Protein backbone atom coordinates (compact mmCIF):
# COMPACT_ATOMS: atom_id res chain seq x y z
CA UNK A 1 10.19 79.69 -8.95
CA UNK A 2 8.24 80.67 -5.87
CA UNK A 3 6.18 77.62 -4.90
CA UNK A 4 3.54 77.02 -2.23
CA UNK A 5 2.37 73.59 -1.06
CA UNK A 6 -1.03 73.72 0.63
CA UNK A 7 -3.64 71.33 2.04
CA UNK A 8 -1.60 68.90 4.13
CA UNK A 9 -0.91 68.81 7.86
CA UNK A 10 2.61 69.99 7.12
CA UNK A 11 6.22 68.92 7.41
CA UNK A 12 8.33 67.32 8.75
CA UNK A 13 6.00 64.39 8.13
CA UNK A 14 4.24 63.13 11.24
CA UNK A 15 1.11 61.52 9.86
CA UNK A 16 0.34 60.11 6.42
CA UNK A 17 1.10 59.93 2.73
CA UNK A 18 0.50 63.51 1.66
CA UNK A 19 2.78 64.84 4.38
CA UNK A 20 5.55 62.45 3.34
CA UNK A 21 5.02 63.41 -0.30
CA UNK A 22 5.23 67.13 0.45
CA UNK A 23 8.33 66.61 2.57
CA UNK A 24 10.15 64.66 -0.12
CA UNK A 25 9.13 67.06 -2.90
CA UNK A 26 9.65 70.33 -1.01
CA UNK A 27 13.17 69.50 0.15
CA UNK A 28 14.24 68.47 -3.34
CA UNK A 29 12.72 71.56 -4.96
CA UNK A 30 14.54 73.74 -2.42
CA UNK A 31 17.82 71.98 -3.22
CA UNK A 32 17.23 72.84 -6.87
CA UNK A 33 17.16 76.52 -6.00
CA UNK A 34 13.41 77.18 -5.77
CA UNK A 35 11.76 79.18 -2.98
CA UNK A 36 9.38 76.65 -1.42
CA UNK A 37 6.77 77.29 1.28
CA UNK A 38 4.77 74.57 3.05
CA UNK A 39 1.71 75.54 5.10
CA UNK A 40 1.57 73.67 8.43
CA UNK A 41 -1.33 73.17 10.83
CA UNK A 42 -0.57 74.73 14.19
CA UNK A 43 -2.28 72.07 16.32
CA UNK A 44 -0.47 69.29 14.50
CA UNK A 45 3.05 70.73 14.37
CA UNK A 46 3.07 73.36 17.14
CA UNK A 47 6.86 73.34 17.53
CA UNK A 48 7.82 73.60 13.85
CA UNK A 49 10.20 76.46 13.25
CA UNK A 50 10.19 78.93 10.36
CA UNK A 51 12.54 76.87 8.15
CA UNK A 52 13.15 73.15 7.75
CA UNK A 53 15.74 71.67 5.37
CA UNK A 54 15.71 74.87 3.31
CA UNK A 55 11.90 74.98 3.12
CA UNK A 56 9.97 77.93 4.55
CA UNK A 57 7.23 76.84 6.96
CA UNK A 58 4.14 78.96 7.59
CA UNK A 59 2.19 77.63 10.57
CA UNK A 60 -1.48 78.66 10.76
CA UNK A 61 -4.62 77.61 12.59
CA UNK A 62 -8.00 76.22 11.59
CA UNK A 63 -11.00 74.52 13.12
CA UNK A 64 -10.25 71.14 14.73
CA UNK A 65 -12.34 68.13 13.85
CA UNK A 66 -12.51 65.37 11.25
CA UNK A 67 -14.76 67.28 8.85
CA UNK A 68 -13.50 70.87 9.17
CA UNK A 69 -9.79 70.52 9.89
CA UNK A 70 -8.53 70.31 6.32
CA UNK A 71 -10.80 72.78 4.56
CA UNK A 72 -10.61 75.51 7.22
CA UNK A 73 -6.83 75.38 7.52
CA UNK A 74 -6.46 75.36 3.75
CA UNK A 75 -8.78 78.37 3.52
CA UNK A 76 -6.64 80.29 6.02
CA UNK A 77 -3.48 79.22 4.16
CA UNK A 78 -4.97 80.32 0.85
CA UNK A 79 -5.82 83.74 2.27
CA UNK A 80 -2.20 84.09 3.36
CA UNK A 81 -0.94 82.86 -0.02
CA UNK A 82 -2.87 85.55 -1.91
CA UNK A 83 -0.48 88.16 -0.57
CA UNK A 84 2.70 86.22 -1.37
CA UNK A 85 2.76 86.41 -5.20
CA UNK A 86 3.57 82.73 -5.70
CA UNK A 87 4.31 81.38 -9.16
CA UNK A 88 2.85 77.97 -8.28
CA UNK A 89 0.22 76.99 -5.70
CA UNK A 90 0.00 73.20 -5.35
CA UNK A 91 -2.96 71.82 -3.38
CA UNK A 92 -3.43 68.26 -2.17
CA UNK A 93 -6.74 66.53 -1.33
CA UNK A 94 -9.70 66.79 -3.68
CA UNK A 95 -11.86 68.31 -0.90
CA UNK A 96 -9.81 71.50 -1.32
CA UNK A 97 -11.04 71.95 -4.90
CA UNK A 98 -13.34 74.92 -4.03
CA UNK A 99 -10.24 76.92 -3.01
CA UNK A 100 -7.87 76.07 -5.86
CA UNK A 101 -8.98 78.92 -8.14
CA UNK A 102 -8.20 81.74 -5.72
CA UNK A 103 -4.39 82.01 -6.21
CA UNK A 104 -5.04 82.37 -9.94
CA UNK A 105 -6.38 85.84 -9.17
CA UNK A 106 -2.83 86.90 -8.25
CA UNK A 107 -1.19 85.32 -11.29
CA UNK A 108 -0.23 81.97 -9.79
CA UNK A 109 -0.72 78.71 -11.62
CA UNK A 110 -2.55 76.15 -9.50
CA UNK A 111 -2.50 72.36 -9.33
CA UNK A 112 -4.68 69.95 -7.35
CA UNK A 113 -3.51 66.45 -6.43
CA UNK A 114 -6.75 64.46 -6.24
CA UNK A 115 -5.27 61.29 -4.72
CA UNK A 116 -7.52 58.21 -5.10
CA UNK A 117 -11.19 57.68 -4.30
CA UNK A 118 -11.25 59.75 -1.12
CA UNK A 119 -15.05 59.68 -0.98
CA UNK A 120 -14.93 55.87 -0.52
CA UNK A 121 -13.15 56.07 2.83
CA UNK A 122 -15.28 54.57 5.58
CA UNK A 123 -14.70 57.49 7.94
CA UNK A 124 -16.99 59.73 5.87
CA UNK A 125 -20.73 60.03 6.37
CA UNK A 126 -23.31 60.66 3.65
CA UNK A 127 -22.81 64.43 3.39
CA UNK A 128 -19.01 64.18 3.35
CA UNK A 129 -19.17 61.56 0.60
CA UNK A 130 -21.49 63.77 -1.43
CA UNK A 131 -19.14 66.72 -0.92
CA UNK A 132 -16.09 64.73 -2.03
CA UNK A 133 -17.85 63.58 -5.20
CA UNK A 134 -18.88 67.16 -5.99
CA UNK A 135 -15.29 68.26 -5.48
CA UNK A 136 -14.10 65.63 -7.95
CA UNK A 137 -16.39 67.17 -10.57
CA UNK A 138 -15.31 70.68 -9.61
CA UNK A 139 -11.57 70.00 -9.70
CA UNK A 140 -11.24 70.36 -13.46
CA UNK A 141 -12.69 73.87 -13.30
CA UNK A 142 -10.90 75.37 -10.32
CA UNK A 143 -7.28 74.30 -10.87
CA UNK A 144 -5.07 74.89 -13.88
CA UNK A 145 -4.03 71.24 -13.73
CA UNK A 146 -5.19 68.09 -11.97
CA UNK A 147 -2.47 65.73 -10.77
CA UNK A 148 -3.21 61.99 -10.51
CA UNK A 149 -0.87 59.74 -8.55
CA UNK A 150 -1.81 56.63 -10.56
CA UNK A 151 -2.76 55.89 -14.15
CA UNK A 152 -5.99 54.31 -12.94
CA UNK A 153 -6.94 57.59 -11.22
CA UNK A 154 -6.07 59.50 -14.40
CA UNK A 155 -8.33 57.21 -16.43
CA UNK A 156 -11.15 57.52 -13.90
CA UNK A 157 -11.26 61.31 -14.19
CA UNK A 158 -11.17 61.03 -17.98
CA UNK A 159 -14.01 58.51 -18.04
CA UNK A 160 -16.31 60.05 -15.42
CA UNK A 161 -15.72 63.78 -15.91
CA UNK A 162 -14.11 64.15 -19.32
CA UNK A 163 -11.12 65.82 -17.65
CA UNK A 164 -7.48 65.29 -18.54
CA UNK A 165 -4.94 65.14 -15.73
CA UNK A 166 -1.20 64.82 -15.33
CA UNK A 167 0.17 61.55 -14.00
CA UNK A 168 2.87 62.27 -11.41
CA UNK A 169 3.63 59.36 -9.08
CA UNK A 170 4.86 59.32 -5.53
CA UNK A 171 8.32 57.94 -4.92
CA UNK A 172 10.03 55.56 -2.55
CA UNK A 173 12.92 56.06 -0.16
CA UNK A 174 15.78 53.68 -0.94
CA UNK A 175 17.87 54.47 2.13
CA UNK A 176 17.81 51.32 4.23
CA UNK A 177 18.90 51.49 7.85
CA UNK A 178 20.64 48.40 9.16
CA UNK A 179 20.54 49.66 12.76
CA UNK A 180 18.64 47.63 15.34
CA UNK A 181 17.76 50.17 18.05
CA UNK A 182 14.07 50.37 17.07
CA UNK A 183 13.80 46.58 16.92
CA UNK A 184 15.33 46.13 20.36
CA UNK A 185 12.89 48.65 21.81
CA UNK A 186 10.01 46.35 20.84
CA UNK A 187 11.73 43.01 21.40
CA UNK A 188 12.05 42.21 17.68
CA UNK A 189 14.66 40.31 15.69
CA UNK A 190 15.74 40.93 12.06
CA UNK A 191 13.74 38.93 9.49
CA UNK A 192 11.58 37.60 12.33
CA UNK A 193 8.39 39.69 12.06
CA UNK A 194 5.61 40.62 9.64
CA UNK A 195 5.04 44.35 9.15
CA UNK A 196 2.10 46.68 8.53
CA UNK A 197 2.62 50.42 8.05
CA UNK A 198 -0.19 52.96 7.74
CA UNK A 199 -2.98 54.86 9.39
CA UNK A 200 -5.40 53.03 11.67
CA UNK A 201 -8.55 53.69 9.65
CA UNK A 202 -11.17 51.14 8.53
CA UNK A 203 -10.51 51.44 4.78
CA UNK A 204 -6.93 50.28 5.38
CA UNK A 205 -8.41 46.93 6.46
CA UNK A 206 -6.14 46.29 9.42
CA UNK A 207 -9.02 44.34 10.97
CA UNK A 208 -8.88 41.99 7.98
CA UNK A 209 -5.14 41.56 8.50
CA UNK A 210 -5.58 40.79 12.20
CA UNK A 211 -8.29 38.20 11.55
CA UNK A 212 -6.19 36.52 8.87
CA UNK A 213 -3.08 36.57 11.07
CA UNK A 214 -4.95 35.16 14.08
CA UNK A 215 -5.42 31.86 12.22
CA UNK A 216 -1.88 31.83 10.79
CA UNK A 217 0.43 29.11 12.13
CA UNK A 218 3.55 31.15 12.87
CA UNK A 219 5.55 32.45 15.80
CA UNK A 220 6.58 35.57 13.87
CA UNK A 221 5.05 38.69 15.50
CA UNK A 222 2.83 41.01 13.51
CA UNK A 223 4.12 44.57 13.96
CA UNK A 224 1.61 47.38 13.38
CA UNK A 225 3.28 50.75 12.77
CA UNK A 226 0.88 53.69 12.80
CA UNK A 227 -2.09 55.26 14.52
CA UNK A 228 -4.88 57.73 13.69
CA UNK A 229 -5.73 61.25 14.80
CA UNK A 230 -9.47 60.53 14.88
CA UNK A 231 -10.39 56.92 15.47
CA UNK A 232 -10.53 55.77 19.08
CA UNK A 233 -13.31 53.27 18.36
CA UNK A 234 -11.39 51.60 15.54
CA UNK A 235 -8.19 51.48 17.60
CA UNK A 236 -10.14 49.74 20.35
CA UNK A 237 -11.51 47.21 17.83
CA UNK A 238 -7.98 46.43 16.64
CA UNK A 239 -6.83 45.88 20.22
CA UNK A 240 -9.68 43.40 20.72
CA UNK A 241 -8.74 41.48 17.58
CA UNK A 242 -5.02 41.34 18.38
CA UNK A 243 -3.56 38.29 20.07
CA UNK A 244 -0.39 38.18 22.17
CA UNK A 245 1.86 38.02 19.10
CA UNK A 246 0.80 41.47 17.83
CA UNK A 247 3.04 44.49 18.55
CA UNK A 248 1.63 48.04 18.38
CA UNK A 249 4.46 50.55 17.98
CA UNK A 250 2.46 53.74 17.43
CA UNK A 251 3.74 56.23 14.88
CA UNK A 252 7.33 55.79 13.71
CA UNK A 253 9.29 58.26 11.60
CA UNK A 254 12.88 58.84 10.61
CA UNK A 255 15.38 56.20 11.72
CA UNK A 256 12.83 54.18 13.71
CA UNK A 257 10.63 53.85 10.63
CA UNK A 258 13.53 52.94 8.35
CA UNK A 259 14.87 50.33 10.77
CA UNK A 260 11.49 48.67 11.28
CA UNK A 261 10.96 48.66 7.50
CA UNK A 262 14.43 47.39 6.64
CA UNK A 263 14.33 44.21 8.73
CA UNK A 264 10.82 42.74 8.22
CA UNK A 265 10.25 39.31 6.65
CA UNK A 266 7.57 40.94 4.52
CA UNK A 267 5.15 43.88 4.67
CA UNK A 268 1.37 43.61 4.22
CA UNK A 269 -0.68 46.41 2.63
CA UNK A 270 -4.35 45.31 2.85
CA UNK A 271 -6.09 48.62 2.00
CA UNK A 272 -9.26 48.38 -0.08
CA UNK A 273 -9.18 51.98 -1.37
CA UNK A 274 -8.11 52.24 -4.99
CA UNK A 275 -5.28 54.76 -5.02
CA UNK A 276 -1.53 54.83 -4.74
CA UNK A 277 -0.32 53.90 -1.27
CA UNK A 278 2.80 55.92 -0.39
CA UNK A 279 3.67 53.34 2.26
CA UNK A 280 3.63 50.64 -0.42
CA UNK A 281 6.17 52.57 -2.49
CA UNK A 282 8.34 53.18 0.56
CA UNK A 283 8.38 49.51 1.47
CA UNK A 284 9.38 48.57 -2.07
CA UNK A 285 12.15 51.17 -1.86
CA UNK A 286 13.49 49.62 1.33
CA UNK A 287 13.83 46.38 -0.57
CA UNK A 288 10.99 44.80 1.34
CA UNK A 289 8.91 41.90 0.11
CA UNK A 290 5.42 43.42 -0.19
CA UNK A 291 2.07 41.62 -0.03
CA UNK A 292 -0.75 43.90 -1.22
CA UNK A 293 -4.45 43.59 -1.95
CA UNK A 294 -5.10 43.08 -5.66
CA UNK A 295 -6.53 46.50 -6.61
CA UNK A 296 -5.85 48.22 -9.96
CA UNK A 297 -3.65 50.88 -8.33
CA UNK A 298 -1.62 48.32 -6.36
CA UNK A 299 -1.21 46.20 -9.49
CA UNK A 300 0.09 49.26 -11.32
CA UNK A 301 2.71 49.92 -8.64
CA UNK A 302 4.06 46.47 -7.84
CA UNK A 303 3.89 44.95 -11.35
CA UNK A 304 5.86 41.70 -10.95
CA UNK A 305 7.83 43.02 -7.97
CA UNK A 306 5.49 42.01 -5.15
CA UNK A 307 2.89 39.47 -4.06
CA UNK A 308 -0.87 40.01 -3.91
CA UNK A 309 -4.03 38.53 -2.47
CA UNK A 310 -7.54 38.68 -3.98
CA UNK A 311 -9.87 41.61 -3.39
CA UNK A 312 -12.79 39.21 -2.94
CA UNK A 313 -12.79 37.13 0.28
CA UNK A 314 -9.71 39.06 1.47
CA UNK A 315 -9.35 37.39 4.87
CA UNK A 316 -9.00 33.89 3.48
CA UNK A 317 -6.87 35.06 0.55
CA UNK A 318 -4.55 37.07 2.77
CA UNK A 319 -4.04 34.20 5.19
CA UNK A 320 -3.14 31.86 2.30
CA UNK A 321 -0.78 34.41 0.76
CA UNK A 322 1.03 35.01 4.05
CA UNK A 323 1.38 31.26 4.61
CA UNK A 324 2.90 30.85 1.14
CA UNK A 325 5.50 33.56 1.74
CA UNK A 326 6.43 31.96 5.05
CA UNK A 327 6.90 28.62 3.28
CA UNK A 328 8.97 30.06 0.41
CA UNK A 329 11.94 32.15 1.58
CA UNK A 330 13.43 32.02 -1.92
CA UNK A 331 10.38 33.86 -3.31
CA UNK A 332 10.67 36.47 -0.56
CA UNK A 333 14.33 37.03 -1.50
CA UNK A 334 13.50 37.36 -5.20
CA UNK A 335 10.71 39.87 -4.58
CA UNK A 336 12.98 41.93 -2.33
CA UNK A 337 15.50 42.26 -5.16
CA UNK A 338 12.85 43.19 -7.72
CA UNK A 339 11.20 45.70 -5.39
CA UNK A 340 14.27 47.88 -5.02
CA UNK A 341 14.87 47.85 -8.78
CA UNK A 342 11.28 48.97 -9.36
CA UNK A 343 11.70 52.07 -7.20
CA UNK A 344 15.13 53.04 -8.52
CA UNK A 345 13.99 52.72 -12.12
CA UNK A 346 10.51 54.27 -12.03
CA UNK A 347 9.38 55.64 -8.65
CA UNK A 348 12.58 57.57 -8.03
CA UNK A 349 12.18 60.75 -5.93
CA UNK A 350 14.96 62.60 -7.75
CA UNK A 351 13.38 61.96 -11.13
CA UNK A 352 9.96 62.85 -9.77
CA UNK A 353 11.26 66.18 -8.46
CA UNK A 354 12.80 66.94 -11.86
CA UNK A 355 9.48 66.11 -13.49
CA UNK A 356 7.65 68.53 -11.20
CA UNK A 357 10.07 71.31 -12.15
CA UNK A 358 9.29 70.62 -15.81
CA UNK A 359 5.55 70.51 -15.05
CA UNK A 360 5.59 73.80 -13.13
CA UNK A 361 7.61 75.50 -15.87
CA UNK A 362 5.21 74.29 -18.56
CA UNK A 363 2.25 75.65 -16.58
CA UNK A 364 3.88 79.05 -16.20
CA UNK A 365 4.72 79.21 -19.90
CA UNK A 366 1.34 77.97 -21.10
CA UNK A 367 3.08 75.07 -22.86
CA UNK A 368 1.92 71.47 -23.29
CA UNK A 369 2.13 69.60 -20.00
CA UNK A 370 4.75 66.83 -19.90
CA UNK A 371 4.02 63.11 -19.69
CA UNK A 372 5.92 61.26 -16.97
CA UNK A 373 6.81 58.18 -19.02
CA UNK A 374 8.04 60.28 -21.93
CA UNK A 375 10.01 62.43 -19.48
CA UNK A 376 11.73 59.30 -18.10
CA UNK A 377 12.60 58.08 -21.58
CA UNK A 378 14.41 61.35 -22.28
CA UNK A 379 16.07 61.59 -18.87
CA UNK A 380 19.51 60.30 -17.99
CA UNK A 381 19.65 56.88 -16.31
CA UNK A 382 19.09 57.01 -12.53
CA UNK A 383 22.16 56.94 -10.30
CA UNK A 384 23.27 53.55 -9.02
CA UNK A 385 21.79 52.68 -5.61
């Protein structure tokens, strides 16, 4: 099949969850013999070549800025895609819904990954929130299929808009890296730090984590891995809240990211937005003990394989949950073991890629769309990890 992935900043991943998702999916589809194209944003990946890991990269421009970056680049990418005769055009981000019908004019089947409640992110103003909500309603009309990354998102679209969607989860990387180069660079020791991974945006509640950590009686550093393209004011707020024990690493990818993830005592995911957190899945895959806010989507992912803290009064709840994990190393060890099993058995990238092939084929043939859980039941057991 000839497949296009549109709407993200591009690959190799240098920013957030959608980019990591596209990277993991595109490479695996290419290995399975499909012709895959990912559309990159020129200002974000100016040095990307024409091919990466067997995936064709098309680098195009758009208007810079928080509100126009995504939609304008995706519009330019869509215009290019219309002349390519793709079999499948897969869009991410619900705000791209107004564009998802266009490749259908050339015979392509289109999908839109709506993520979680994007309109609830604190970075958006009133108009942007209104636009995102309108796009949610529009999604069922413009794309041939809506993709939900969590069952709770699937149910939300069914309840609010009467629209059925396909549940297709993100996966986790199970390749630990026992190297210590990244740790040495920041003066860290294995099993002697608490980790956060993600974008520095208000809805990820890093400020809540810093306030909770500030009152925590521990000499373990808090390591914050990430940054944000637009968010100087929030970054400054985080710096003000941080005490001398906090380590800011900036973005980390590849080996640095795997090493920092593989050696933490535990990883905190405090985000308040109800949607699947790719970083949460990755940390489980690394065999990390994960402490996440108790949202429906997080509950769905971690099941009994991680710890949680209450959504209400999160600062106090998070501080108590961190203190408990520090007191109970045997619980940390047990959750680490369960976490890896959870990813290998259910959130496995190889199985997810196979599911997408089945999904794309069903769309092209006009057949019933597959269900992920039923697909897993019929699939061969995952390889030993």
